[in-house]
């Protein structure tokens, strides 16, 4: 089959990350079909010329490539395989590119199902956050080789500055989970360091500057530790999504008979944070676990909500549900909920 030349793009999930990506696609001249559970989050794109679609299937039906950026593996499954899903609606020869941080196993299943239908599904999680999405400088992790992804090169270049190819389906997701494992451990490390500094009477800002100038520094510390120190816990990315990513990493590691003690520690800490009301705070809110109860209450935490048994990472990884609902806030966030509640969110 002759490779499809990308002219028309579908996009499902126009939240805080998805919307700026769509802006770049429009700037590059692509004909754009968009779908989002909450239509108002796509209105600006429609005003710019994007075509609104009532279902994911409608967004994919006319597209040469359809991008998805949703929340949990269950959302990916629904968008691709559920009623009005894109897998059956997409044209033969077309591409489906999942930008969500999701399950490697699911990515492989979607790839295999698409190939049987003469279609192409590839995992392509991203890192770089809202700022990277807005600047068009995201880093992409593709679950295929460079030659296979050649038809996508131009369209991916509209919103990225670095593209890594990891050879085969699911490996892009594994690469992103590697990033998240390291990222979460960096946050735990600086949370410990700030707690020690505070109890020792050191100036937190000075300690942060000192560590960032030495071997103990990290991008996470440089960007997030100052927010922790000043009590700014507004989300640049949701704590619940980092918990989800760690659960996915732990599940994948267990299947490989591998133990990740650092990731297990970070998952348990983020699970506590999410249980007590911090699921919709930023990842830097982990430092609240080291503070007194009054400080936590002021930030919206309630230690009485803590359950005696920690969440099972398998359950969080597989379904995106923990302790009764999707994220601990009691709301239905829909296809845009990777970053879509109207605050400043970033995908790590």
Protein backbone atom coordinates (compact mmCIF):
# COMPACT_ATOMS: atom_id res chain seq x y z
CA UNK A 1 0.00 0.00 0.00
CA UNK A 2 1.30 3.47 -0.89
CA UNK A 3 2.18 5.41 2.30
CA UNK A 4 -0.38 8.03 3.25
CA UNK A 5 0.79 11.60 2.87
CA UNK A 6 -0.31 13.49 5.97
CA UNK A 7 -2.62 16.40 5.14
CA UNK A 8 -5.59 15.86 7.45
CA UNK A 9 -5.29 15.33 11.21
CA UNK A 10 -7.72 14.15 13.86
CA UNK A 11 -7.10 14.97 17.52
CA UNK A 12 -8.91 13.50 20.53
CA UNK A 13 -8.27 15.21 23.86
CA UNK A 14 -7.83 18.98 23.60
CA UNK A 15 -6.87 19.72 27.18
CA UNK A 16 -3.99 21.85 28.43
CA UNK A 17 -1.43 19.75 26.53
CA UNK A 18 -3.59 18.78 23.56
CA UNK A 19 -4.83 22.27 22.75
CA UNK A 20 -1.41 23.89 22.16
CA UNK A 21 -0.35 20.88 20.09
CA UNK A 22 -3.44 21.48 17.96
CA UNK A 23 -2.49 25.14 17.64
CA UNK A 24 0.83 24.11 16.10
CA UNK A 25 -0.94 21.75 13.71
CA UNK A 26 -3.21 24.57 12.58
CA UNK A 27 -0.24 26.93 12.20
CA UNK A 28 1.40 24.33 9.96
CA UNK A 29 -1.63 24.28 7.69
CA UNK A 30 -3.07 20.86 8.48
CA UNK A 31 -6.83 20.36 8.18
CA UNK A 32 -7.79 19.51 11.75
CA UNK A 33 -10.72 17.53 13.18
CA UNK A 34 -11.05 17.71 16.97
CA UNK A 35 -13.00 15.86 19.64
CA UNK A 36 -13.11 16.40 23.37
CA UNK A 37 -15.66 15.34 25.94
CA UNK A 38 -16.04 18.97 27.01
CA UNK A 39 -16.60 20.94 23.83
CA UNK A 40 -15.81 24.35 25.32
CA UNK A 41 -12.17 23.29 25.71
CA UNK A 42 -12.02 23.02 21.92
CA UNK A 43 -13.86 26.23 21.09
CA UNK A 44 -10.73 28.31 20.56
CA UNK A 45 -9.48 25.72 18.07
CA UNK A 46 -12.82 25.73 16.26
CA UNK A 47 -12.67 29.51 16.05
CA UNK A 48 -9.26 29.12 14.39
CA UNK A 49 -10.63 26.75 11.78
CA UNK A 50 -10.59 23.29 13.38
CA UNK A 51 -13.64 21.15 12.65
CA UNK A 52 -15.58 19.96 15.70
CA UNK A 53 -16.50 16.27 15.84
CA UNK A 54 -19.05 14.76 18.22
CA UNK A 55 -17.18 11.47 18.69
CA UNK A 56 -13.61 10.15 18.47
CA UNK A 57 -14.71 8.09 15.47
CA UNK A 58 -15.83 11.24 13.65
CA UNK A 59 -12.44 12.85 14.30
CA UNK A 60 -10.63 9.84 12.84
CA UNK A 61 -12.88 9.08 9.87
CA UNK A 62 -11.38 11.67 7.48
CA UNK A 63 -7.90 11.87 9.00
CA UNK A 64 -4.59 10.66 7.62
CA UNK A 65 -3.37 10.54 11.23
CA UNK A 66 -5.35 10.71 14.47
CA UNK A 67 -3.64 11.76 17.71
CA UNK A 68 -5.02 10.88 21.12
CA UNK A 69 -4.09 12.45 24.45
CA UNK A 70 -6.31 11.25 27.26
CA UNK A 71 -5.72 10.09 30.84
CA UNK A 72 -5.58 6.46 31.87
CA UNK A 73 -5.21 3.19 29.95
CA UNK A 74 -8.95 2.66 30.37
CA UNK A 75 -9.53 5.94 28.53
CA UNK A 76 -7.18 4.92 25.74
CA UNK A 77 -9.01 1.61 25.46
CA UNK A 78 -12.36 3.37 25.29
CA UNK A 79 -11.24 5.92 22.71
CA UNK A 80 -9.77 3.25 20.44
CA UNK A 81 -11.98 0.22 21.00
CA UNK A 82 -15.20 1.45 22.57
CA UNK A 83 -18.42 2.58 20.96
CA UNK A 84 -17.55 5.33 18.47
CA UNK A 85 -13.88 4.35 18.81
CA UNK A 86 -11.24 5.40 16.32
CA UNK A 87 -9.73 2.00 15.46
CA UNK A 88 -12.70 0.80 13.42
CA UNK A 89 -13.46 4.27 12.02
CA UNK A 90 -9.97 5.15 10.78
CA UNK A 91 -9.28 4.70 7.06
CA UNK A 92 -7.04 1.92 5.80
CA UNK A 93 -3.44 3.10 5.57
CA UNK A 94 -3.99 5.85 8.12
CA UNK A 95 -2.11 6.34 11.38
CA UNK A 96 -3.23 6.49 15.01
CA UNK A 97 -0.69 8.00 17.41
CA UNK A 98 -1.29 7.82 21.16
CA UNK A 99 0.44 10.62 23.07
CA UNK A 100 -0.95 9.44 26.43
CA UNK A 101 1.34 7.87 29.01
CA UNK A 102 -0.29 4.47 29.06
CA UNK A 103 0.27 0.72 29.25
CA UNK A 104 2.99 -0.85 27.08
CA UNK A 105 0.87 -3.99 26.82
CA UNK A 106 -2.13 -2.01 25.57
CA UNK A 107 0.09 -0.20 23.05
CA UNK A 108 1.21 -3.52 21.64
CA UNK A 109 -2.36 -4.80 21.44
CA UNK A 110 -3.56 -1.71 19.60
CA UNK A 111 -0.63 -1.89 17.19
CA UNK A 112 -1.32 -5.53 16.37
CA UNK A 113 -5.07 -4.98 15.96
CA UNK A 114 -4.47 -2.03 13.64
CA UNK A 115 -2.00 -3.88 11.43
CA UNK A 116 -4.51 -6.67 10.82
CA UNK A 117 -6.86 -3.98 9.51
CA UNK A 118 -4.19 -2.39 7.26
CA UNK A 119 -3.90 0.58 9.63
CA UNK A 120 -1.04 1.77 11.84
CA UNK A 121 -1.18 2.45 15.59
CA UNK A 122 1.92 3.66 17.43
CA UNK A 123 2.62 4.69 21.02
CA UNK A 124 4.24 8.10 21.32
CA UNK A 125 4.17 9.47 24.88
CA UNK A 126 5.66 12.91 25.39
CA UNK A 127 7.61 14.85 27.97
CA UNK A 128 8.17 18.57 28.28
CA UNK A 129 4.98 19.76 29.92
CA UNK A 130 2.60 22.52 29.01
CA UNK A 131 5.47 24.88 28.36
CA UNK A 132 6.96 22.41 25.88
CA UNK A 133 3.60 21.91 24.19
CA UNK A 134 3.12 25.66 23.85
CA UNK A 135 6.65 26.19 22.54
CA UNK A 136 6.47 23.18 20.22
CA UNK A 137 9.54 21.64 21.86
CA UNK A 138 8.20 18.41 23.32
CA UNK A 139 10.34 15.29 23.45
CA UNK A 140 8.63 12.28 21.85
CA UNK A 141 9.21 8.58 22.51
CA UNK A 142 7.99 6.48 19.59
CA UNK A 143 7.32 2.77 19.80
CA UNK A 144 8.63 2.03 16.31
CA UNK A 145 11.78 2.46 14.24
CA UNK A 146 12.70 5.61 12.36
CA UNK A 147 12.00 4.16 8.93
CA UNK A 148 8.50 3.05 9.88
CA UNK A 149 7.73 6.47 11.33
CA UNK A 150 9.02 8.39 8.30
CA UNK A 151 5.50 9.34 7.07
CA UNK A 152 4.90 11.02 10.45
CA UNK A 153 8.13 13.01 10.61
CA UNK A 154 6.79 16.32 9.31
CA UNK A 155 3.62 16.36 11.40
CA UNK A 156 5.50 15.37 14.57
CA UNK A 157 8.03 18.14 13.95
CA UNK A 158 5.29 20.75 14.33
CA UNK A 159 5.20 20.26 18.10
CA UNK A 160 8.48 18.57 19.05
CA UNK A 161 12.21 19.28 19.15
CA UNK A 162 13.45 15.78 19.89
CA UNK A 163 12.13 12.42 18.70
CA UNK A 164 13.45 9.11 20.00
CA UNK A 165 12.59 5.85 18.21
CA UNK A 166 12.53 2.75 20.39
CA UNK A 167 12.06 0.09 17.75
CA UNK A 168 8.78 -1.65 18.36
CA UNK A 169 5.27 -1.25 19.74
CA UNK A 170 5.06 -0.55 23.46
CA UNK A 171 8.69 0.47 23.83
CA UNK A 172 7.85 4.16 23.63
CA UNK A 173 5.65 3.68 26.68
CA UNK A 174 8.39 1.79 28.50
CA UNK A 175 10.81 4.63 27.76
CA UNK A 176 8.35 7.17 29.18
CA UNK A 177 7.92 5.06 32.31
CA UNK A 178 11.71 5.08 32.71
CA UNK A 179 11.52 8.88 32.66
CA UNK A 180 8.75 8.92 35.25
CA UNK A 181 10.53 6.52 37.59
CA UNK A 182 13.59 8.75 37.59
CA UNK A 183 11.50 11.92 37.83
CA UNK A 184 9.51 10.72 40.84
CA UNK A 185 12.64 9.59 42.64
CA UNK A 186 14.15 13.04 42.09
CA UNK A 187 11.12 14.61 43.79
CA UNK A 188 11.35 12.19 46.73
CA UNK A 189 15.05 13.04 47.00
CA UNK A 190 14.55 16.78 47.14
CA UNK A 191 11.59 16.39 49.52
CA UNK A 192 13.88 14.54 51.93
CA UNK A 193 16.57 17.17 51.48
CA UNK A 194 14.20 20.08 52.15
CA UNK A 195 12.80 18.38 55.24
CA UNK A 196 16.31 17.89 56.63
CA UNK A 197 17.27 21.47 55.79
CA UNK A 198 14.16 22.88 57.47
CA UNK A 199 14.60 20.86 60.65
CA UNK A 200 18.25 21.94 60.76
CA UNK A 201 17.41 25.62 60.47
CA UNK A 202 18.93 26.11 57.02
CA UNK A 203 17.57 28.56 54.47
CA UNK A 204 15.61 26.44 51.97
CA UNK A 205 16.30 28.67 48.98
CA UNK A 206 20.02 28.67 49.67
CA UNK A 207 20.04 24.88 50.05
CA UNK A 208 18.19 24.47 46.75
CA UNK A 209 20.69 26.70 44.95
CA UNK A 210 23.60 24.85 46.51
CA UNK A 211 22.31 21.39 45.58
CA UNK A 212 21.45 22.48 42.04
CA UNK A 213 25.05 23.63 41.61
CA UNK A 214 26.32 20.19 42.63
CA UNK A 215 25.87 16.52 41.87
CA UNK A 216 22.64 16.32 43.85
CA UNK A 217 20.76 18.60 41.50
CA UNK A 218 18.13 17.65 38.93
CA UNK A 219 15.73 19.35 36.55
CA UNK A 220 12.93 18.35 38.91
CA UNK A 221 14.66 20.06 41.81
CA UNK A 222 15.52 23.13 39.79
CA UNK A 223 11.96 23.66 38.58
CA UNK A 224 9.82 22.28 41.40
CA UNK A 225 11.73 22.58 44.69
CA UNK A 226 11.38 26.41 44.75
CA UNK A 227 7.60 25.95 44.44
CA UNK A 228 7.61 23.50 47.33
CA UNK A 229 9.70 25.89 49.43
CA UNK A 230 7.30 28.78 48.89
CA UNK A 231 4.16 26.68 49.37
CA UNK A 232 3.02 26.78 45.76
CA UNK A 233 1.31 23.46 45.15
CA UNK A 234 -0.67 24.45 42.08
CA UNK A 235 -0.46 21.64 39.54
CA UNK A 236 1.94 21.79 36.67
CA UNK A 237 1.02 18.12 36.43
CA UNK A 238 -1.37 16.18 38.65
CA UNK A 239 -0.03 14.04 41.49
CA UNK A 240 -2.57 11.37 40.51
CA UNK A 241 -1.01 11.00 37.08
CA UNK A 242 2.47 10.49 38.50
CA UNK A 243 0.97 7.83 40.78
CA UNK A 244 -0.63 6.24 37.70
CA UNK A 245 2.68 6.28 35.79
CA UNK A 246 4.56 4.72 38.69
CA UNK A 247 1.92 2.00 38.94
CA UNK A 248 2.34 1.27 35.24
CA UNK A 249 6.12 1.07 35.68
CA UNK A 250 5.81 -1.28 38.65
CA UNK A 251 3.42 -3.52 36.78
CA UNK A 252 5.72 -3.68 33.77
CA UNK A 253 8.75 -4.34 35.99
CA UNK A 254 7.02 -7.19 37.79
CA UNK A 255 6.24 -8.85 34.47
CA UNK A 256 9.99 -8.74 33.81
CA UNK A 257 10.77 -10.18 37.28
CA UNK A 258 12.42 -6.89 38.22
CA UNK A 259 12.17 -5.04 41.53
CA UNK A 260 12.19 -1.23 41.57
CA UNK A 261 12.47 -0.22 45.25
CA UNK A 262 12.78 3.48 44.48
CA UNK A 263 9.64 3.45 42.34
CA UNK A 264 7.80 1.44 45.00
CA UNK A 265 8.70 4.01 47.63
CA UNK A 266 7.60 6.89 45.40
CA UNK A 267 4.34 5.13 44.50
CA UNK A 268 3.48 4.56 48.15
CA UNK A 269 4.15 8.20 49.01
CA UNK A 270 2.09 9.49 46.08
CA UNK A 271 -0.68 7.05 46.95
CA UNK A 272 -0.85 8.53 50.44
CA UNK A 273 -0.89 12.05 49.00
CA UNK A 274 -3.74 11.15 46.64
CA UNK A 275 -5.72 9.37 49.35
CA UNK A 276 -5.71 12.37 51.67
CA UNK A 277 -6.91 14.86 49.06
CA UNK A 278 -3.80 15.77 47.08
CA UNK A 279 -4.57 13.97 43.82
CA UNK A 280 -5.26 17.22 41.97
CA UNK A 281 -2.29 19.10 43.44
CA UNK A 282 1.02 19.30 41.64
CA UNK A 283 3.66 16.62 42.01
CA UNK A 284 5.71 18.99 44.19
CA UNK A 285 2.97 18.68 46.84
CA UNK A 286 4.73 15.51 48.00
CA UNK A 287 6.64 17.77 50.39
CA UNK A 288 3.37 18.34 52.27
CA UNK A 289 3.73 14.83 53.71
CA UNK A 290 6.68 16.18 55.73
CA UNK A 291 4.78 19.19 57.10
CA UNK A 292 2.62 19.57 60.19
CA UNK A 293 -1.11 18.86 59.98
CA UNK A 294 -2.11 22.52 59.91
CA UNK A 295 0.00 23.16 56.82
CA UNK A 296 -1.56 20.16 55.13
CA UNK A 297 -5.08 21.27 56.01
CA UNK A 298 -4.36 24.73 54.59
CA UNK A 299 -3.41 23.03 51.32
CA UNK A 300 -6.61 20.96 51.32
CA UNK A 301 -5.35 17.69 52.79
CA UNK A 302 -7.23 15.55 55.30
CA UNK A 303 -5.26 12.78 57.01
CA UNK A 304 -8.47 11.19 58.29
CA UNK A 305 -9.11 9.98 54.74
CA UNK A 306 -6.05 7.73 54.80
CA UNK A 307 -7.01 4.09 54.38
CA UNK A 308 -5.12 1.40 56.32
CA UNK A 309 -4.15 -0.52 53.19
CA UNK A 310 -2.23 1.08 50.34
CA UNK A 311 -3.61 0.89 46.81
CA UNK A 312 -2.52 -2.04 44.70
CA UNK A 313 -0.31 -0.70 41.87
CA UNK A 314 -1.81 -3.35 39.61
CA UNK A 315 -5.28 -1.87 40.06
CA UNK A 316 -4.11 1.69 39.51
CA UNK A 317 -2.08 0.72 36.45
CA UNK A 318 -4.75 -1.39 34.83
CA UNK A 319 -7.85 0.66 35.36
CA UNK A 320 -6.86 4.11 36.52
CA UNK A 321 -9.14 3.72 39.53
CA UNK A 322 -8.19 3.86 43.14
CA UNK A 323 -10.22 4.19 46.31
CA UNK A 324 -13.59 4.41 44.60
CA UNK A 325 -13.05 6.68 41.64
CA UNK A 326 -10.74 7.71 38.91
CA UNK A 327 -8.63 10.33 40.60
CA UNK A 328 -9.91 10.82 44.12
CA UNK A 329 -11.81 14.02 43.38
CA UNK A 330 -15.22 12.58 42.59
CA UNK A 331 -15.57 14.16 39.17
CA UNK A 332 -15.75 12.72 35.69
CA UNK A 333 -12.89 14.35 33.81
CA UNK A 334 -13.51 12.73 30.47
CA UNK A 335 -11.25 12.50 27.44
CA UNK A 336 -9.51 15.77 28.27
CA UNK A 337 -8.61 14.93 31.82
CA UNK A 338 -4.92 14.31 31.25
CA UNK A 339 -4.52 18.01 31.87
CA UNK A 340 -7.91 19.54 31.42
CA UNK A 341 -9.34 21.23 34.50
CA UNK A 342 -8.48 24.78 33.59
CA UNK A 343 -5.33 25.18 35.67
CA UNK A 344 -1.71 25.18 34.64
CA UNK A 345 -0.92 21.51 34.10
CA UNK A 346 2.07 19.78 32.65
CA UNK A 347 2.76 16.24 31.62
CA UNK A 348 6.06 15.34 33.18
